[in-house]
Every structure is written in structure tokens, then in C-alpha cells.
N, C-alpha and C. Protein backbone atom coordinates (compact mmCIF):
# COMPACT_ATOMS: atom_id res chain seq x y z
N MET A 1 3.40 -21.31 4.30
CA MET A 1 4.27 -20.79 3.26
C MET A 1 5.62 -21.49 3.31
N SER A 2 6.17 -21.77 2.13
CA SER A 2 7.47 -22.42 2.09
C SER A 2 8.60 -21.43 2.36
N THR A 3 8.40 -20.18 1.95
CA THR A 3 9.40 -19.14 2.15
C THR A 3 8.73 -17.94 2.78
N GLN A 4 9.35 -17.40 3.81
CA GLN A 4 8.79 -16.21 4.43
C GLN A 4 9.13 -15.00 3.58
N HIS A 5 8.11 -14.26 3.18
CA HIS A 5 8.33 -13.06 2.39
C HIS A 5 8.59 -11.87 3.30
N ARG A 6 9.50 -11.01 2.85
CA ARG A 6 9.81 -9.76 3.54
C ARG A 6 9.21 -8.64 2.70
N ILE A 7 8.25 -7.93 3.26
CA ILE A 7 7.52 -6.91 2.51
C ILE A 7 7.52 -5.59 3.28
N VAL A 8 7.75 -4.51 2.54
CA VAL A 8 7.73 -3.17 3.13
C VAL A 8 6.35 -2.57 2.89
N VAL A 9 5.80 -1.97 3.93
CA VAL A 9 4.52 -1.26 3.82
C VAL A 9 4.74 0.18 4.25
N GLY A 10 4.35 1.10 3.38
CA GLY A 10 4.40 2.51 3.71
C GLY A 10 2.99 3.07 3.79
N ILE A 11 2.77 3.94 4.76
CA ILE A 11 1.49 4.63 4.88
C ILE A 11 1.79 6.12 4.86
N SER A 12 1.26 6.83 3.85
CA SER A 12 1.49 8.27 3.76
C SER A 12 0.22 9.02 4.14
N GLY A 13 0.26 10.33 4.06
CA GLY A 13 -0.76 11.15 4.70
C GLY A 13 -2.04 11.40 3.95
N ALA A 14 -2.41 10.53 3.02
CA ALA A 14 -3.69 10.69 2.33
C ALA A 14 -4.80 10.00 3.11
N SER A 15 -6.03 10.31 2.73
CA SER A 15 -7.17 9.61 3.32
C SER A 15 -7.16 8.16 2.85
N GLY A 16 -7.73 7.29 3.67
CA GLY A 16 -7.76 5.87 3.33
C GLY A 16 -6.75 5.06 4.13
N ALA A 17 -6.36 5.57 5.28
CA ALA A 17 -5.35 4.90 6.11
C ALA A 17 -5.75 3.49 6.51
N ALA A 18 -7.03 3.24 6.60
CA ALA A 18 -7.49 1.90 7.00
C ALA A 18 -7.01 0.83 6.04
N VAL A 19 -6.83 1.18 4.77
CA VAL A 19 -6.37 0.19 3.80
C VAL A 19 -4.94 -0.23 4.10
N GLY A 20 -4.08 0.72 4.38
CA GLY A 20 -2.70 0.39 4.73
C GLY A 20 -2.61 -0.46 5.98
N LEU A 21 -3.40 -0.12 6.98
CA LEU A 21 -3.40 -0.91 8.21
C LEU A 21 -3.90 -2.32 7.97
N ARG A 22 -4.88 -2.45 7.08
CA ARG A 22 -5.41 -3.79 6.76
C ARG A 22 -4.40 -4.60 5.97
N VAL A 23 -3.64 -3.95 5.11
CA VAL A 23 -2.55 -4.65 4.40
C VAL A 23 -1.58 -5.24 5.43
N VAL A 24 -1.24 -4.47 6.43
CA VAL A 24 -0.34 -4.96 7.48
C VAL A 24 -0.94 -6.18 8.17
N GLU A 25 -2.21 -6.09 8.56
CA GLU A 25 -2.86 -7.21 9.26
C GLU A 25 -2.87 -8.47 8.40
N LEU A 26 -3.21 -8.32 7.14
CA LEU A 26 -3.30 -9.49 6.26
C LEU A 26 -1.94 -10.12 6.03
N LEU A 27 -0.92 -9.33 5.80
CA LEU A 27 0.42 -9.87 5.60
C LEU A 27 0.94 -10.55 6.87
N ALA A 28 0.67 -9.94 8.01
CA ALA A 28 1.10 -10.54 9.27
C ALA A 28 0.38 -11.87 9.52
N SER A 29 -0.85 -11.99 9.04
CA SER A 29 -1.64 -13.20 9.27
C SER A 29 -1.09 -14.41 8.53
N VAL A 30 -0.26 -14.18 7.51
CA VAL A 30 0.35 -15.29 6.77
C VAL A 30 1.86 -15.32 7.01
N ASP A 31 2.27 -14.77 8.13
CA ASP A 31 3.66 -14.88 8.58
C ASP A 31 4.69 -14.14 7.73
N CYS A 32 4.27 -13.10 7.04
CA CYS A 32 5.26 -12.29 6.32
C CYS A 32 6.08 -11.47 7.31
N GLU A 33 7.30 -11.19 6.92
CA GLU A 33 8.15 -10.28 7.70
C GLU A 33 7.84 -8.87 7.19
N VAL A 34 7.03 -8.15 7.95
CA VAL A 34 6.55 -6.84 7.51
C VAL A 34 7.40 -5.73 8.13
N HIS A 35 7.84 -4.82 7.26
CA HIS A 35 8.56 -3.62 7.69
C HIS A 35 7.67 -2.43 7.39
N LEU A 36 7.32 -1.68 8.42
CA LEU A 36 6.36 -0.59 8.31
C LEU A 36 7.05 0.75 8.49
N VAL A 37 6.69 1.71 7.61
CA VAL A 37 7.16 3.08 7.76
C VAL A 37 5.97 4.01 7.51
N VAL A 38 5.78 4.97 8.40
CA VAL A 38 4.59 5.81 8.39
C VAL A 38 5.02 7.28 8.41
N SER A 39 4.47 8.07 7.51
CA SER A 39 4.82 9.49 7.47
C SER A 39 4.19 10.22 8.65
N LYS A 40 4.68 11.43 8.92
CA LYS A 40 4.14 12.22 10.02
C LYS A 40 2.68 12.58 9.76
N ALA A 41 2.37 12.94 8.51
CA ALA A 41 0.99 13.27 8.17
C ALA A 41 0.08 12.05 8.33
N ALA A 42 0.61 10.87 8.01
CA ALA A 42 -0.19 9.65 8.12
C ALA A 42 -0.56 9.35 9.57
N ARG A 43 0.32 9.65 10.49
CA ARG A 43 0.00 9.43 11.91
C ARG A 43 -1.27 10.19 12.29
N ARG A 44 -1.36 11.41 11.82
CA ARG A 44 -2.54 12.23 12.13
C ARG A 44 -3.78 11.66 11.45
N THR A 45 -3.64 11.25 10.19
CA THR A 45 -4.77 10.69 9.46
C THR A 45 -5.25 9.39 10.09
N ILE A 46 -4.32 8.53 10.49
CA ILE A 46 -4.69 7.26 11.12
C ILE A 46 -5.49 7.51 12.40
N ALA A 47 -5.01 8.44 13.23
CA ALA A 47 -5.70 8.74 14.48
C ALA A 47 -7.11 9.26 14.23
N TYR A 48 -7.25 10.09 13.18
CA TYR A 48 -8.56 10.69 12.88
C TYR A 48 -9.51 9.69 12.24
N GLU A 49 -9.03 8.93 11.27
CA GLU A 49 -9.91 8.06 10.49
C GLU A 49 -10.15 6.69 11.12
N VAL A 50 -9.15 6.17 11.83
CA VAL A 50 -9.25 4.80 12.34
C VAL A 50 -9.33 4.76 13.86
N GLY A 51 -8.57 5.60 14.52
CA GLY A 51 -8.61 5.63 15.97
C GLY A 51 -7.24 5.88 16.57
N PRO A 52 -7.19 6.40 17.80
CA PRO A 52 -5.91 6.79 18.41
C PRO A 52 -4.97 5.62 18.70
N ASN A 53 -5.50 4.41 18.79
CA ASN A 53 -4.65 3.26 19.10
C ASN A 53 -4.39 2.36 17.89
N ALA A 54 -4.88 2.76 16.72
CA ALA A 54 -4.77 1.90 15.53
C ALA A 54 -3.33 1.68 15.12
N LEU A 55 -2.51 2.71 15.20
CA LEU A 55 -1.11 2.56 14.80
C LEU A 55 -0.35 1.68 15.78
N ASP A 56 -0.67 1.78 17.06
CA ASP A 56 -0.03 0.91 18.05
C ASP A 56 -0.32 -0.56 17.76
N HIS A 57 -1.54 -0.84 17.35
CA HIS A 57 -1.92 -2.22 17.00
C HIS A 57 -1.10 -2.71 15.81
N ALA A 58 -0.96 -1.87 14.80
CA ALA A 58 -0.17 -2.25 13.62
C ALA A 58 1.29 -2.47 14.00
N ALA A 59 1.81 -1.60 14.85
CA ALA A 59 3.21 -1.72 15.26
C ALA A 59 3.48 -3.03 15.98
N ASP A 60 2.47 -3.54 16.69
CA ASP A 60 2.62 -4.82 17.39
C ASP A 60 2.67 -6.01 16.43
N LEU A 61 2.16 -5.83 15.22
CA LEU A 61 2.08 -6.93 14.26
C LEU A 61 3.31 -7.05 13.38
N VAL A 62 4.06 -5.98 13.23
CA VAL A 62 5.14 -5.97 12.24
C VAL A 62 6.47 -6.43 12.85
N HIS A 63 7.37 -6.81 11.95
CA HIS A 63 8.71 -7.21 12.37
C HIS A 63 9.52 -5.99 12.82
N ARG A 64 9.44 -4.91 12.03
CA ARG A 64 10.11 -3.65 12.39
C ARG A 64 9.21 -2.47 12.05
N PHE A 65 9.15 -1.52 12.95
CA PHE A 65 8.43 -0.26 12.71
C PHE A 65 9.50 0.82 12.62
N HIS A 66 9.75 1.29 11.41
CA HIS A 66 10.86 2.21 11.16
C HIS A 66 10.43 3.67 11.29
N LYS A 67 11.32 4.49 11.80
CA LYS A 67 11.05 5.92 11.89
C LYS A 67 11.23 6.57 10.52
N ILE A 68 10.34 7.47 10.19
CA ILE A 68 10.35 8.12 8.89
C ILE A 68 11.65 8.88 8.63
N GLU A 69 12.29 9.35 9.68
CA GLU A 69 13.53 10.12 9.53
C GLU A 69 14.77 9.24 9.36
N ASP A 70 14.64 7.96 9.62
CA ASP A 70 15.81 7.07 9.65
C ASP A 70 16.18 6.60 8.24
N VAL A 71 16.81 7.50 7.48
CA VAL A 71 17.15 7.16 6.09
C VAL A 71 18.29 6.14 6.01
N GLY A 72 18.87 5.78 7.15
CA GLY A 72 19.90 4.75 7.18
C GLY A 72 19.37 3.39 7.60
N ALA A 73 18.05 3.25 7.68
CA ALA A 73 17.45 1.97 8.07
C ALA A 73 17.70 0.91 7.01
N CYS A 74 17.54 -0.35 7.39
CA CYS A 74 17.82 -1.46 6.46
C CYS A 74 17.01 -1.38 5.18
N ILE A 75 15.77 -0.93 5.25
CA ILE A 75 14.92 -0.89 4.06
C ILE A 75 15.35 0.19 3.07
N ALA A 76 16.33 1.01 3.45
CA ALA A 76 16.85 2.04 2.55
C ALA A 76 18.00 1.51 1.69
N SER A 77 18.34 0.23 1.85
CA SER A 77 19.46 -0.35 1.11
C SER A 77 18.98 -1.42 0.14
N GLY A 78 19.53 -1.38 -1.06
CA GLY A 78 19.20 -2.40 -2.05
C GLY A 78 19.68 -3.78 -1.69
N SER A 79 20.71 -3.86 -0.82
CA SER A 79 21.22 -5.17 -0.42
C SER A 79 20.29 -5.87 0.57
N PHE A 80 19.32 -5.13 1.10
CA PHE A 80 18.31 -5.71 2.00
C PHE A 80 17.18 -6.22 1.11
N ARG A 81 17.17 -7.53 0.89
CA ARG A 81 16.25 -8.11 -0.09
C ARG A 81 14.82 -8.16 0.42
N THR A 82 13.91 -7.73 -0.43
CA THR A 82 12.49 -7.78 -0.10
C THR A 82 11.71 -8.37 -1.26
N SER A 83 10.46 -8.68 -0.99
CA SER A 83 9.56 -9.19 -2.04
C SER A 83 8.71 -8.08 -2.63
N GLY A 84 8.97 -6.84 -2.25
CA GLY A 84 8.24 -5.71 -2.79
C GLY A 84 7.74 -4.78 -1.70
N MET A 85 7.02 -3.74 -2.14
CA MET A 85 6.54 -2.71 -1.23
C MET A 85 5.18 -2.22 -1.68
N ILE A 86 4.34 -1.93 -0.70
CA ILE A 86 3.03 -1.32 -0.95
C ILE A 86 2.97 -0.01 -0.18
N VAL A 87 2.57 1.06 -0.85
CA VAL A 87 2.30 2.34 -0.18
C VAL A 87 0.79 2.55 -0.24
N ALA A 88 0.14 2.46 0.92
CA ALA A 88 -1.32 2.53 0.99
C ALA A 88 -1.77 3.28 2.25
N PRO A 89 -2.41 4.41 2.08
CA PRO A 89 -2.62 5.12 0.83
C PRO A 89 -1.34 5.86 0.42
N CYS A 90 -1.31 6.27 -0.84
CA CYS A 90 -0.18 7.04 -1.35
C CYS A 90 -0.67 8.44 -1.69
N SER A 91 -0.17 9.41 -0.97
CA SER A 91 -0.56 10.80 -1.23
C SER A 91 0.09 11.30 -2.52
N ILE A 92 -0.44 12.36 -3.07
CA ILE A 92 0.16 12.98 -4.25
C ILE A 92 1.57 13.44 -3.95
N ARG A 93 1.79 13.95 -2.75
CA ARG A 93 3.13 14.40 -2.38
C ARG A 93 4.12 13.24 -2.44
N THR A 94 3.72 12.10 -1.88
CA THR A 94 4.60 10.93 -1.88
C THR A 94 4.79 10.38 -3.29
N LEU A 95 3.71 10.30 -4.06
CA LEU A 95 3.81 9.86 -5.45
C LEU A 95 4.80 10.73 -6.22
N SER A 96 4.67 12.05 -6.09
CA SER A 96 5.55 12.96 -6.82
C SER A 96 7.00 12.81 -6.39
N ALA A 97 7.21 12.64 -5.09
CA ALA A 97 8.57 12.47 -4.58
C ALA A 97 9.20 11.19 -5.13
N ILE A 98 8.44 10.12 -5.16
CA ILE A 98 8.94 8.86 -5.71
C ILE A 98 9.21 9.00 -7.20
N ALA A 99 8.28 9.60 -7.92
CA ALA A 99 8.39 9.73 -9.37
C ALA A 99 9.61 10.54 -9.79
N HIS A 100 9.97 11.52 -8.97
CA HIS A 100 11.03 12.45 -9.36
C HIS A 100 12.29 12.33 -8.50
N GLY A 101 12.37 11.27 -7.70
CA GLY A 101 13.59 11.00 -6.95
C GLY A 101 13.89 11.98 -5.83
N ASP A 102 12.86 12.55 -5.22
CA ASP A 102 13.05 13.47 -4.10
C ASP A 102 13.06 12.65 -2.81
N LEU A 103 14.23 12.11 -2.48
CA LEU A 103 14.33 11.08 -1.43
C LEU A 103 14.65 11.70 -0.07
N ASP A 104 13.70 12.44 0.48
CA ASP A 104 13.97 13.18 1.71
C ASP A 104 13.48 12.48 2.97
N ASN A 105 12.91 11.28 2.85
CA ASN A 105 12.53 10.53 4.05
C ASN A 105 12.61 9.04 3.74
N LEU A 106 12.45 8.21 4.76
CA LEU A 106 12.64 6.78 4.60
C LEU A 106 11.59 6.14 3.71
N LEU A 107 10.36 6.63 3.75
CA LEU A 107 9.32 6.03 2.94
C LEU A 107 9.66 6.13 1.46
N VAL A 108 10.01 7.33 1.00
CA VAL A 108 10.31 7.49 -0.43
C VAL A 108 11.64 6.84 -0.79
N ARG A 109 12.58 6.82 0.15
CA ARG A 109 13.85 6.15 -0.12
C ARG A 109 13.64 4.65 -0.28
N ALA A 110 12.83 4.05 0.60
CA ALA A 110 12.54 2.62 0.50
C ALA A 110 11.83 2.30 -0.81
N ALA A 111 10.92 3.18 -1.23
CA ALA A 111 10.22 2.99 -2.49
C ALA A 111 11.20 3.07 -3.66
N ASP A 112 12.11 4.01 -3.60
CA ASP A 112 13.10 4.17 -4.66
C ASP A 112 13.99 2.93 -4.77
N VAL A 113 14.30 2.32 -3.64
CA VAL A 113 15.10 1.10 -3.62
C VAL A 113 14.38 -0.02 -4.38
N GLN A 114 13.07 -0.13 -4.17
CA GLN A 114 12.32 -1.17 -4.89
C GLN A 114 12.46 -0.99 -6.39
N LEU A 115 12.39 0.25 -6.83
CA LEU A 115 12.46 0.54 -8.27
C LEU A 115 13.84 0.25 -8.84
N LYS A 116 14.87 0.69 -8.13
CA LYS A 116 16.22 0.50 -8.68
C LYS A 116 16.63 -0.97 -8.68
N GLU A 117 16.05 -1.75 -7.76
CA GLU A 117 16.34 -3.18 -7.70
C GLU A 117 15.36 -4.00 -8.53
N ARG A 118 14.47 -3.31 -9.26
CA ARG A 118 13.48 -3.97 -10.14
C ARG A 118 12.54 -4.88 -9.37
N ARG A 119 12.09 -4.40 -8.21
CA ARG A 119 11.10 -5.11 -7.41
C ARG A 119 9.74 -4.43 -7.56
N ARG A 120 8.69 -5.12 -7.18
CA ARG A 120 7.35 -4.55 -7.31
C ARG A 120 7.14 -3.43 -6.29
N LEU A 121 6.59 -2.33 -6.78
CA LEU A 121 6.21 -1.20 -5.93
C LEU A 121 4.78 -0.82 -6.30
N VAL A 122 3.87 -0.97 -5.35
CA VAL A 122 2.45 -0.67 -5.57
C VAL A 122 2.10 0.62 -4.85
N LEU A 123 1.64 1.61 -5.60
CA LEU A 123 1.28 2.91 -5.05
C LEU A 123 -0.23 3.08 -5.11
N MET A 124 -0.89 3.00 -3.96
CA MET A 124 -2.34 3.12 -3.91
C MET A 124 -2.72 4.59 -3.74
N LEU A 125 -2.76 5.25 -4.89
CA LEU A 125 -2.99 6.70 -4.92
C LEU A 125 -4.37 7.05 -4.39
N ARG A 126 -4.41 8.12 -3.61
CA ARG A 126 -5.70 8.61 -3.08
C ARG A 126 -5.77 10.11 -3.30
N GLU A 127 -6.42 10.48 -4.39
CA GLU A 127 -6.65 11.90 -4.69
C GLU A 127 -7.70 12.01 -5.78
N THR A 128 -8.54 13.02 -5.69
CA THR A 128 -9.51 13.30 -6.75
C THR A 128 -10.09 14.69 -6.51
N PRO A 129 -10.35 15.45 -7.55
CA PRO A 129 -9.98 15.22 -8.94
C PRO A 129 -8.48 15.43 -9.15
N LEU A 130 -8.01 15.11 -10.34
CA LEU A 130 -6.59 15.19 -10.65
C LEU A 130 -6.33 16.32 -11.64
N HIS A 131 -5.26 17.10 -11.40
CA HIS A 131 -4.85 18.06 -12.43
C HIS A 131 -3.70 17.45 -13.23
N LEU A 132 -3.27 18.15 -14.27
CA LEU A 132 -2.30 17.59 -15.20
C LEU A 132 -0.98 17.24 -14.51
N GLY A 133 -0.58 18.03 -13.51
CA GLY A 133 0.65 17.72 -12.77
C GLY A 133 0.58 16.38 -12.08
N HIS A 134 -0.59 16.08 -11.49
CA HIS A 134 -0.78 14.79 -10.85
C HIS A 134 -0.67 13.66 -11.87
N ILE A 135 -1.33 13.85 -13.00
CA ILE A 135 -1.34 12.82 -14.04
C ILE A 135 0.06 12.59 -14.59
N ARG A 136 0.81 13.65 -14.75
CA ARG A 136 2.19 13.51 -15.24
C ARG A 136 3.06 12.77 -14.23
N SER A 137 2.84 13.02 -12.95
CA SER A 137 3.59 12.28 -11.93
C SER A 137 3.22 10.81 -11.94
N MET A 138 1.94 10.51 -12.17
CA MET A 138 1.51 9.12 -12.29
C MET A 138 2.19 8.45 -13.48
N ALA A 139 2.26 9.17 -14.58
CA ALA A 139 2.91 8.62 -15.77
C ALA A 139 4.39 8.39 -15.53
N GLN A 140 5.04 9.34 -14.87
CA GLN A 140 6.47 9.21 -14.57
C GLN A 140 6.73 8.02 -13.65
N ALA A 141 5.90 7.87 -12.63
CA ALA A 141 6.05 6.74 -11.71
C ALA A 141 5.88 5.42 -12.45
N THR A 142 4.92 5.37 -13.36
CA THR A 142 4.68 4.16 -14.14
C THR A 142 5.86 3.87 -15.06
N GLU A 143 6.39 4.90 -15.69
CA GLU A 143 7.50 4.73 -16.63
C GLU A 143 8.76 4.19 -15.95
N ILE A 144 8.95 4.51 -14.67
CA ILE A 144 10.15 4.03 -13.98
C ILE A 144 9.91 2.71 -13.24
N GLY A 145 8.69 2.16 -13.39
CA GLY A 145 8.48 0.81 -12.89
C GLY A 145 7.46 0.61 -11.79
N ALA A 146 6.86 1.68 -11.27
CA ALA A 146 5.86 1.52 -10.21
C ALA A 146 4.52 1.08 -10.79
N ILE A 147 3.71 0.49 -9.95
CA ILE A 147 2.33 0.15 -10.30
C ILE A 147 1.42 1.15 -9.57
N VAL A 148 0.78 2.02 -10.32
CA VAL A 148 -0.13 3.00 -9.72
C VAL A 148 -1.52 2.37 -9.66
N ALA A 149 -2.00 2.14 -8.45
CA ALA A 149 -3.28 1.45 -8.24
C ALA A 149 -4.14 2.31 -7.32
N PRO A 150 -4.92 3.23 -7.89
CA PRO A 150 -5.75 4.11 -7.04
C PRO A 150 -6.68 3.31 -6.13
N LEU A 151 -6.98 3.90 -4.98
CA LEU A 151 -7.92 3.28 -4.05
C LEU A 151 -9.32 3.34 -4.66
N SER A 152 -9.71 2.28 -5.33
CA SER A 152 -11.00 2.23 -6.02
C SER A 152 -11.82 1.05 -5.51
N PRO A 153 -12.93 1.31 -4.83
CA PRO A 153 -13.76 0.20 -4.35
C PRO A 153 -14.32 -0.62 -5.50
N ALA A 154 -14.43 -1.91 -5.29
CA ALA A 154 -14.99 -2.81 -6.30
C ALA A 154 -16.49 -2.95 -6.05
N PHE A 155 -17.26 -2.06 -6.64
CA PHE A 155 -18.70 -2.07 -6.38
C PHE A 155 -19.37 -3.31 -6.94
N TYR A 156 -18.75 -3.96 -7.94
CA TYR A 156 -19.34 -5.17 -8.49
C TYR A 156 -19.35 -6.31 -7.47
N GLN A 157 -18.56 -6.17 -6.40
CA GLN A 157 -18.60 -7.17 -5.33
C GLN A 157 -19.78 -6.95 -4.38
N ARG A 158 -20.51 -5.86 -4.61
CA ARG A 158 -21.66 -5.52 -3.77
C ARG A 158 -21.30 -5.52 -2.28
N PRO A 159 -20.31 -4.72 -1.89
CA PRO A 159 -19.89 -4.70 -0.49
C PRO A 159 -21.02 -4.25 0.42
N ARG A 160 -21.10 -4.90 1.56
CA ARG A 160 -22.15 -4.57 2.52
C ARG A 160 -21.67 -3.63 3.61
N SER A 161 -20.37 -3.32 3.59
CA SER A 161 -19.82 -2.44 4.62
C SER A 161 -18.53 -1.81 4.12
N ILE A 162 -18.10 -0.77 4.81
CA ILE A 162 -16.81 -0.16 4.50
C ILE A 162 -15.69 -1.17 4.74
N SER A 163 -15.84 -2.00 5.76
CA SER A 163 -14.84 -3.01 6.06
C SER A 163 -14.63 -3.96 4.89
N GLU A 164 -15.70 -4.36 4.23
CA GLU A 164 -15.57 -5.25 3.07
C GLU A 164 -14.86 -4.55 1.92
N MET A 165 -15.12 -3.25 1.73
CA MET A 165 -14.44 -2.50 0.68
C MET A 165 -12.94 -2.38 0.99
N VAL A 166 -12.63 -2.11 2.25
CA VAL A 166 -11.23 -2.00 2.67
C VAL A 166 -10.51 -3.33 2.44
N ASP A 167 -11.15 -4.43 2.83
CA ASP A 167 -10.55 -5.75 2.64
C ASP A 167 -10.22 -6.00 1.17
N HIS A 168 -11.17 -5.70 0.30
CA HIS A 168 -10.97 -5.97 -1.12
C HIS A 168 -9.81 -5.14 -1.67
N MET A 169 -9.75 -3.86 -1.31
CA MET A 169 -8.66 -3.01 -1.81
C MET A 169 -7.31 -3.46 -1.27
N ALA A 170 -7.28 -3.87 -0.01
CA ALA A 170 -6.02 -4.37 0.57
C ALA A 170 -5.57 -5.65 -0.11
N LEU A 171 -6.50 -6.55 -0.36
CA LEU A 171 -6.16 -7.81 -1.03
C LEU A 171 -5.72 -7.58 -2.47
N ARG A 172 -6.33 -6.63 -3.15
CA ARG A 172 -5.93 -6.30 -4.52
C ARG A 172 -4.49 -5.79 -4.53
N ALA A 173 -4.15 -4.94 -3.57
CA ALA A 173 -2.78 -4.41 -3.50
C ALA A 173 -1.78 -5.53 -3.28
N ILE A 174 -2.08 -6.43 -2.36
CA ILE A 174 -1.19 -7.55 -2.08
C ILE A 174 -1.04 -8.43 -3.32
N GLY A 175 -2.15 -8.64 -4.02
CA GLY A 175 -2.11 -9.45 -5.23
C GLY A 175 -1.20 -8.87 -6.30
N LEU A 176 -1.10 -7.55 -6.34
CA LEU A 176 -0.25 -6.90 -7.35
C LEU A 176 1.24 -7.12 -7.10
N LEU A 177 1.61 -7.62 -5.93
CA LEU A 177 3.01 -7.97 -5.69
C LEU A 177 3.40 -9.23 -6.46
N GLY A 178 2.42 -10.00 -6.90
CA GLY A 178 2.71 -11.19 -7.70
C GLY A 178 3.24 -12.37 -6.93
N LEU A 179 2.92 -12.43 -5.64
CA LEU A 179 3.42 -13.51 -4.78
C LEU A 179 2.32 -14.54 -4.59
N ASN A 180 2.25 -15.47 -5.51
CA ASN A 180 1.12 -16.41 -5.54
C ASN A 180 1.07 -17.35 -4.35
N ASP A 181 2.19 -17.55 -3.67
CA ASP A 181 2.20 -18.48 -2.53
C ASP A 181 1.68 -17.86 -1.24
N LEU A 182 1.30 -16.59 -1.29
CA LEU A 182 0.82 -15.94 -0.06
C LEU A 182 -0.56 -16.42 0.36
N GLU A 183 -1.31 -16.97 -0.56
CA GLU A 183 -2.67 -17.44 -0.28
C GLU A 183 -3.56 -16.31 0.22
N LEU A 184 -3.31 -15.13 -0.32
CA LEU A 184 -4.16 -13.97 -0.07
C LEU A 184 -4.56 -13.41 -1.42
N SER A 185 -5.84 -13.42 -1.71
CA SER A 185 -6.26 -12.88 -3.00
C SER A 185 -7.68 -12.33 -2.90
N ALA A 186 -7.93 -11.30 -3.69
CA ALA A 186 -9.27 -10.73 -3.75
C ALA A 186 -10.18 -11.67 -4.54
N PRO A 187 -11.47 -11.67 -4.24
CA PRO A 187 -12.40 -12.50 -5.01
C PRO A 187 -12.34 -12.14 -6.49
N GLU A 188 -12.39 -13.15 -7.33
CA GLU A 188 -12.34 -12.92 -8.77
C GLU A 188 -13.71 -12.54 -9.31
N TRP A 189 -13.69 -11.78 -10.41
CA TRP A 189 -14.93 -11.46 -11.11
C TRP A 189 -15.48 -12.73 -11.74
N SER A 190 -16.79 -12.89 -11.65
CA SER A 190 -17.44 -14.03 -12.28
C SER A 190 -18.48 -13.52 -13.27
N ASP A 191 -18.51 -14.10 -14.47
CA ASP A 191 -19.47 -13.63 -15.48
C ASP A 191 -20.87 -14.23 -15.29
N ASP A 192 -21.07 -14.95 -14.18
CA ASP A 192 -22.42 -15.45 -13.93
C ASP A 192 -23.20 -14.52 -13.01
N THR A 193 -22.67 -13.30 -12.78
CA THR A 193 -23.37 -12.30 -11.98
C THR A 193 -24.66 -11.89 -12.71
N PRO A 194 -25.77 -11.81 -12.02
CA PRO A 194 -27.03 -11.40 -12.68
C PRO A 194 -26.85 -10.06 -13.40
N PRO A 195 -27.45 -9.91 -14.58
CA PRO A 195 -27.28 -8.68 -15.34
C PRO A 195 -27.94 -7.47 -14.73
N THR A 196 -28.91 -7.66 -13.87
CA THR A 196 -29.57 -6.55 -13.23
C THR A 196 -29.50 -6.72 -11.71
N CYS A 197 -29.41 -5.62 -11.02
CA CYS A 197 -29.31 -5.67 -9.57
C CYS A 197 -30.69 -5.92 -8.97
N PRO A 198 -30.74 -6.67 -7.89
CA PRO A 198 -32.03 -6.89 -7.24
C PRO A 198 -32.55 -5.61 -6.61
N LYS A 199 -33.84 -5.54 -6.42
CA LYS A 199 -34.42 -4.36 -5.78
C LYS A 199 -33.99 -4.32 -4.32
N PRO A 200 -33.76 -3.12 -3.79
CA PRO A 200 -33.35 -3.05 -2.37
C PRO A 200 -34.47 -3.48 -1.45
């Protein structure tokens, strides 16, 4: 890379923590300066879904691992320039807080900074089914500049494992930052895919 990108990654307390951790791994693999912030609920989800040492591994890969309570951290300031932020997964609680400016922890404050500075903010929402309040928060987040990208597996890629699905979703999120020089991208759809699936 000609320029090292500085990217903030937030992991909130929804299911799908493996995607956020994979985003960290992929960004670190191309020498990005990664700043990680993890909610208290996410710590529990990571330990349950991925393993008790998974967060320690991620912490070893990043430039800074910020405490969720540290609202005075560098990533809480607009003068701290970044190339964008990914929240993966993004819980409904975190989405609503970002959408409505409820800046009570570092994760939502850092996300708010991306919006006010007109930087890319990708929110990988993880919730289903949705009630009208959820949908309105999604609309509000979109109206103020966020990209709401639900954790949706790309079944057309015919993934052979959960790991392949996680990789694709992580790469899609990174791609939404619009940083073409990262050399990280999800496989593109091809119209030469057979019209019918082969028999198992």
C-alpha cells in the first residue's frame, strides 16, 4: 500500500462476532492501522461464539485497543483522521444510539465522529425479525450518512463452511469503505453461473 489507512473497528453485543474479528484480521494483514473498541456485551458474545481467547488474539493485531468507557480516546475526536469505521456486528441498541446521537460510550462516539466528519461508517446490523422502531432507526442512520449493511450471507457464492461465509461478509464490509488500494475485496458476481444448482 502506498498510504497506510487508519480504520476504526467496533464490535457490539449482537450475534456474529466472528465477522468483526475477521475484519480486524483482514485489515491487519494489509498493514492498516486498526483501532478497536469492543462493548461489554460484545466481550461476552465473543467468548461464547468464538472462544475465550479470541479477543486477546484480535488485541494483538491492532494498533490500539480502546476501552469502551474512554470517551476521551483519540478516536472520539474529529481531528484524529481516519479512513472510516466498521461496526460488525452492530446491535439494535448500538444502531439506535448512533442514529439518535446517544453518545454514552466510545463506540457510539467514534461512530458519530465518522458521520460528522463525512467519513464512511458501515453498520453491519444483526437482528431479525425487525419491528417498526428498528426500521425507523435504520432509516435515521441512513439519512445521517451511515451505510446499513445487515449481516447477510452470500449464498450465491455457494459457501462450503461458516468460515467462508464470515470471510465474504467481512470483505463486503471492508469494500464498503471505498478504499480501492486495500487489495481486499469480496468475489464479484458472475453471470456465467449455471442456472440450476448441481445435485448434492
